[in-house]
């Protein structure tokens, strides 16, 4: 890499760490930059996954206050994230790089619709639970576990817009605030990135320069994202998710 390419990758890491902590989709910033430096797509994906681990951890630390009281939930859902992330990492090496190009924009679009309708859906679910005397499962039950497992398979494969899918699923099935759900999302993203990266360390090629630049940049970005994201009202946070998701769909559908 040239000095300018290194600076571009570092800046992309900061941007990815920031946006991942607030909502997700940071890979849509780093991946094109890595490919533009000359890295093959799979090498870029693997290097990106490794580099974003510190950023995910940094964001989770920034949201530590919102994680209070969520230990049981996080542990249970992390099992789904770890299993799905490993499966996705394996698929990355087995499937052609274009395997998810058709389905991913559809998944993101569906997730955005769910995020947009989440307040109405949550109220309807809560009313029905009150009528039936059902307090609901604080962990989301088998449906959320299965949904996050499948989302994590995709996350281990590519990660772009993974956080949006997580938030849409948890927003529908958990009766909790958007900020607390976002804190859980950051933990799950860290789990997926870590599991996938550990697998890649032994079986795939990666670029250490890119990894280190993204790692340092995303760590800084994680702290920036936590400071910004935690101050956003639920409505504004939901709006940010939708805007980022629309931009992700545009990029995913127009990428050559």
Protein backbone atom coordinates (compact mmCIF):
# COMPACT_ATOMS: atom_id res chain seq x y z
CA UNK A 1 0.00 0.00 0.00
CA UNK A 2 1.06 3.57 -0.65
CA UNK A 3 0.94 6.15 2.15
CA UNK A 4 -2.25 7.63 0.70
CA UNK A 5 -3.88 4.20 0.51
CA UNK A 6 -2.93 3.54 4.13
CA UNK A 7 -4.47 6.85 5.18
CA UNK A 8 -7.64 5.99 3.24
CA UNK A 9 -7.92 2.59 4.93
CA UNK A 10 -7.32 4.16 8.37
CA UNK A 11 -10.00 6.81 7.74
CA UNK A 12 -12.39 4.11 6.50
CA UNK A 13 -11.73 2.20 9.72
CA UNK A 14 -12.72 5.23 11.80
CA UNK A 15 -15.88 5.66 9.74
CA UNK A 16 -16.76 1.98 9.95
CA UNK A 17 -16.20 1.83 13.71
CA UNK A 18 -18.41 4.89 14.21
CA UNK A 19 -21.30 3.77 12.03
CA UNK A 20 -21.12 0.15 13.26
CA UNK A 21 -21.56 1.27 16.86
CA UNK A 22 -24.50 3.54 16.04
CA UNK A 23 -26.34 1.22 13.67
CA UNK A 24 -24.14 -1.11 11.57
CA UNK A 25 -23.11 -1.32 7.89
CA UNK A 26 -19.55 -0.09 8.47
CA UNK A 27 -18.30 -2.79 6.10
CA UNK A 28 -19.85 -0.81 3.25
CA UNK A 29 -17.21 1.84 4.00
CA UNK A 30 -14.14 -0.34 4.51
CA UNK A 31 -14.74 -3.09 1.94
CA UNK A 32 -14.72 -0.87 -1.19
CA UNK A 33 -11.61 0.96 0.07
CA UNK A 34 -9.75 -2.32 0.61
CA UNK A 35 -10.71 -3.59 -2.83
CA UNK A 36 -9.60 -0.24 -4.32
CA UNK A 37 -6.13 -0.78 -2.84
CA UNK A 38 -5.83 -3.96 -4.90
CA UNK A 39 -6.85 -6.65 -2.40
CA UNK A 40 -8.90 -9.57 -3.79
CA UNK A 41 -12.54 -9.58 -2.51
CA UNK A 42 -12.14 -12.57 -0.18
CA UNK A 43 -8.84 -11.26 1.24
CA UNK A 44 -10.49 -7.86 1.74
CA UNK A 45 -13.46 -9.47 3.52
CA UNK A 46 -11.21 -11.50 5.82
CA UNK A 47 -8.91 -8.54 6.58
CA UNK A 48 -11.96 -6.38 7.26
CA UNK A 49 -13.45 -8.93 9.67
CA UNK A 50 -10.19 -9.14 11.61
CA UNK A 51 -9.74 -5.38 11.72
CA UNK A 52 -13.25 -4.62 12.93
CA UNK A 53 -13.00 -6.78 16.06
CA UNK A 54 -11.39 -4.03 18.22
CA UNK A 55 -13.97 -1.54 16.90
CA UNK A 56 -16.86 -3.81 17.92
CA UNK A 57 -15.36 -4.27 21.37
CA UNK A 58 -14.73 -0.53 21.68
CA UNK A 59 -18.36 0.22 20.78
CA UNK A 60 -19.63 -2.37 23.25
CA UNK A 61 -17.53 -0.80 26.03
CA UNK A 62 -18.94 2.60 25.11
CA UNK A 63 -22.46 1.19 25.59
CA UNK A 64 -21.65 -0.64 28.85
CA UNK A 65 -24.22 1.35 30.88
CA UNK A 66 -27.02 0.16 28.57
CA UNK A 67 -25.89 -3.46 29.03
CA UNK A 68 -26.78 -3.43 32.73
CA UNK A 69 -29.25 -6.23 33.49
CA UNK A 70 -28.86 -7.91 30.10
CA UNK A 71 -26.30 -10.57 31.03
CA UNK A 72 -28.60 -13.59 30.58
CA UNK A 73 -30.01 -12.26 27.31
CA UNK A 74 -26.60 -11.43 25.89
CA UNK A 75 -25.14 -14.82 26.78
CA UNK A 76 -28.03 -16.69 25.19
CA UNK A 77 -28.11 -14.63 22.00
CA UNK A 78 -24.31 -14.72 21.75
CA UNK A 79 -24.56 -18.49 21.31
CA UNK A 80 -26.71 -17.93 18.22
CA UNK A 81 -24.30 -15.26 16.97
CA UNK A 82 -21.23 -17.47 17.45
CA UNK A 83 -22.80 -20.48 15.73
CA UNK A 84 -24.11 -18.46 12.82
CA UNK A 85 -20.87 -16.49 12.47
CA UNK A 86 -18.81 -19.67 12.17
CA UNK A 87 -21.18 -21.10 9.56
CA UNK A 88 -21.02 -17.86 7.56
CA UNK A 89 -17.21 -17.83 7.67
CA UNK A 90 -17.13 -21.37 6.31
CA UNK A 91 -19.58 -20.42 3.54
CA UNK A 92 -17.34 -17.51 2.54
CA UNK A 93 -14.64 -19.99 1.57
CA UNK A 94 -17.00 -22.48 -0.06
CA UNK A 95 -19.44 -20.31 -2.03
CA UNK A 96 -18.73 -17.95 -4.93
CA UNK A 97 -18.30 -14.31 -3.90
CA UNK A 98 -21.58 -13.38 -5.66
CA UNK A 99 -23.69 -15.90 -3.73
CA UNK A 100 -25.49 -13.37 -1.51
CA UNK A 101 -25.65 -10.46 -3.97
CA UNK A 102 -29.33 -11.01 -4.79
CA UNK A 103 -30.71 -11.85 -1.38
CA UNK A 104 -28.82 -9.29 0.76
CA UNK A 105 -30.60 -6.13 -0.53
CA UNK A 106 -33.93 -7.90 -0.01
CA UNK A 107 -33.00 -8.79 3.57
CA UNK A 108 -31.91 -5.23 4.31
CA UNK A 109 -35.07 -3.78 2.76
CA UNK A 110 -37.23 -6.10 4.87
CA UNK A 111 -35.25 -5.17 7.97
CA UNK A 112 -35.83 -1.47 7.28
CA UNK A 113 -39.58 -2.01 6.97
CA UNK A 114 -39.54 -3.81 10.32
CA UNK A 115 -37.52 -1.02 11.93
CA UNK A 116 -39.96 1.57 10.58
CA UNK A 117 -42.99 -0.37 11.84
CA UNK A 118 -41.32 -1.53 15.07
CA UNK A 119 -43.14 0.88 17.46
CA UNK A 120 -46.54 -0.14 16.08
CA UNK A 121 -45.65 -3.84 16.06
CA UNK A 122 -44.29 -3.66 19.61
CA UNK A 123 -47.46 -1.95 20.87
CA UNK A 124 -49.66 -4.55 19.20
CA UNK A 125 -47.61 -7.42 20.66
CA UNK A 126 -47.65 -5.81 24.11
CA UNK A 127 -51.44 -5.34 24.01
CA UNK A 128 -51.96 -8.96 23.07
CA UNK A 129 -49.65 -10.13 25.85
CA UNK A 130 -51.55 -8.02 28.38
CA UNK A 131 -54.88 -9.43 27.18
CA UNK A 132 -53.56 -12.98 27.41
CA UNK A 133 -51.71 -12.38 30.68
CA UNK A 134 -48.41 -13.29 29.04
CA UNK A 135 -45.37 -11.32 30.19
CA UNK A 136 -43.38 -12.42 27.16
CA UNK A 137 -39.93 -13.96 27.02
CA UNK A 138 -37.25 -11.44 28.08
CA UNK A 139 -34.82 -13.18 25.71
CA UNK A 140 -37.14 -13.21 22.69
CA UNK A 141 -37.72 -16.96 22.77
CA UNK A 142 -36.88 -19.51 20.04
CA UNK A 143 -38.04 -17.20 17.23
CA UNK A 144 -35.47 -14.50 18.04
CA UNK A 145 -32.74 -17.11 18.58
CA UNK A 146 -33.43 -18.65 15.16
CA UNK A 147 -33.63 -15.25 13.47
CA UNK A 148 -30.34 -14.06 14.94
CA UNK A 149 -28.72 -17.38 14.07
CA UNK A 150 -29.60 -16.90 10.39
CA UNK A 151 -28.61 -13.22 10.47
CA UNK A 152 -25.26 -14.22 11.97
CA UNK A 153 -24.64 -16.70 9.14
CA UNK A 154 -24.84 -13.72 6.81
CA UNK A 155 -22.74 -11.67 9.25
CA UNK A 156 -19.95 -14.22 9.21
CA UNK A 157 -20.07 -14.17 5.40
CA UNK A 158 -20.00 -10.43 4.75
CA UNK A 159 -21.34 -8.34 7.76
CA UNK A 160 -22.70 -5.37 5.73
CA UNK A 161 -25.98 -4.14 7.29
CA UNK A 162 -25.92 -7.02 9.77
CA UNK A 163 -26.62 -4.62 12.64
CA UNK A 164 -29.78 -3.33 10.95
CA UNK A 165 -31.13 -6.88 10.67
CA UNK A 166 -30.29 -7.52 14.34
CA UNK A 167 -32.06 -4.36 15.49
CA UNK A 168 -35.17 -5.09 13.44
CA UNK A 169 -35.48 -8.61 14.87
CA UNK A 170 -34.86 -7.56 18.47
CA UNK A 171 -37.10 -4.51 18.12
CA UNK A 172 -40.02 -6.74 17.18
CA UNK A 173 -39.51 -9.51 19.70
CA UNK A 174 -38.06 -7.75 22.76
CA UNK A 175 -39.85 -5.18 24.90
CA UNK A 176 -36.91 -2.86 25.54
CA UNK A 177 -35.53 0.53 24.51
CA UNK A 178 -33.68 1.08 21.24
CA UNK A 179 -30.51 2.10 23.07
CA UNK A 180 -30.42 -1.10 25.14
CA UNK A 181 -31.09 -3.16 22.03
CA UNK A 182 -28.28 -1.29 20.27
CA UNK A 183 -25.94 -2.20 23.12
CA UNK A 184 -26.86 -5.86 22.68
CA UNK A 185 -26.36 -5.54 18.93
CA UNK A 186 -22.80 -4.31 19.47
CA UNK A 187 -21.98 -7.36 21.61
CA UNK A 188 -23.45 -9.75 19.03
CA UNK A 189 -21.52 -8.07 16.22
CA UNK A 190 -18.31 -8.40 18.24
CA UNK A 191 -19.01 -12.11 18.77
CA UNK A 192 -19.63 -12.74 15.07
CA UNK A 193 -16.53 -10.81 13.98
CA UNK A 194 -14.35 -12.58 16.55
CA UNK A 195 -15.54 -16.10 15.73
CA UNK A 196 -15.26 -15.54 11.98
CA UNK A 197 -11.83 -13.91 12.34
CA UNK A 198 -10.44 -16.74 14.48
CA UNK A 199 -11.54 -19.18 11.80
CA UNK A 200 -10.01 -17.07 9.05
CA UNK A 201 -6.67 -16.87 10.87
CA UNK A 202 -6.07 -20.54 10.16
CA UNK A 203 -7.61 -21.05 6.73
CA UNK A 204 -7.62 -17.80 4.72
CA UNK A 205 -5.25 -15.14 3.42
CA UNK A 206 -5.33 -11.65 4.92
CA UNK A 207 -3.32 -8.45 4.77
CA UNK A 208 -1.78 -7.47 8.12
CA UNK A 209 -1.31 -3.85 7.11
CA UNK A 210 -5.01 -3.51 6.33
CA UNK A 211 -5.96 -5.36 9.51
CA UNK A 212 -3.88 -3.10 11.75
CA UNK A 213 -5.05 0.12 10.09
CA UNK A 214 -8.72 -0.84 10.35
CA UNK A 215 -8.23 -2.11 13.91
CA UNK A 216 -6.80 1.19 15.15
CA UNK A 217 -9.29 3.26 13.14
CA UNK A 218 -12.34 1.24 14.18
CA UNK A 219 -11.32 1.38 17.86
CA UNK A 220 -11.33 5.17 17.68
CA UNK A 221 -14.58 5.10 15.71
CA UNK A 222 -16.21 2.80 18.26
CA UNK A 223 -15.75 5.39 20.98
CA UNK A 224 -16.99 8.19 18.73
CA UNK A 225 -20.04 6.13 17.76
CA UNK A 226 -20.90 5.35 21.37
CA UNK A 227 -20.72 9.02 22.39
CA UNK A 228 -22.94 10.06 19.49
CA UNK A 229 -25.30 7.10 19.41
CA UNK A 230 -26.13 7.11 23.12
CA UNK A 231 -27.38 10.69 22.86
CA UNK A 232 -29.79 10.06 20.00
CA UNK A 233 -33.52 9.87 20.89
CA UNK A 234 -35.23 6.62 19.78
CA UNK A 235 -36.99 8.32 16.86
CA UNK A 236 -33.77 9.89 15.59
CA UNK A 237 -31.86 6.63 16.03
CA UNK A 238 -34.55 4.83 14.05
CA UNK A 239 -34.27 7.48 11.34
CA UNK A 240 -30.48 7.05 11.18
CA UNK A 241 -30.95 3.29 10.81
CA UNK A 242 -33.36 3.77 7.91
CA UNK A 243 -31.12 6.30 6.11
CA UNK A 244 -28.03 4.11 6.47
CA UNK A 245 -30.02 1.08 5.36
CA UNK A 246 -31.27 2.81 2.21
CA UNK A 247 -27.70 3.86 1.36
CA UNK A 248 -26.59 0.27 1.96
CA UNK A 249 -29.22 -1.06 -0.43
CA UNK A 250 -28.18 1.45 -3.09
CA UNK A 251 -24.53 0.48 -2.75
CA UNK A 252 -25.23 -3.26 -2.70
CA UNK A 253 -27.44 -3.11 -5.79
CA UNK A 254 -25.18 -0.83 -7.83
CA UNK A 255 -21.83 -2.39 -6.92
CA UNK A 256 -20.16 -3.98 -9.92
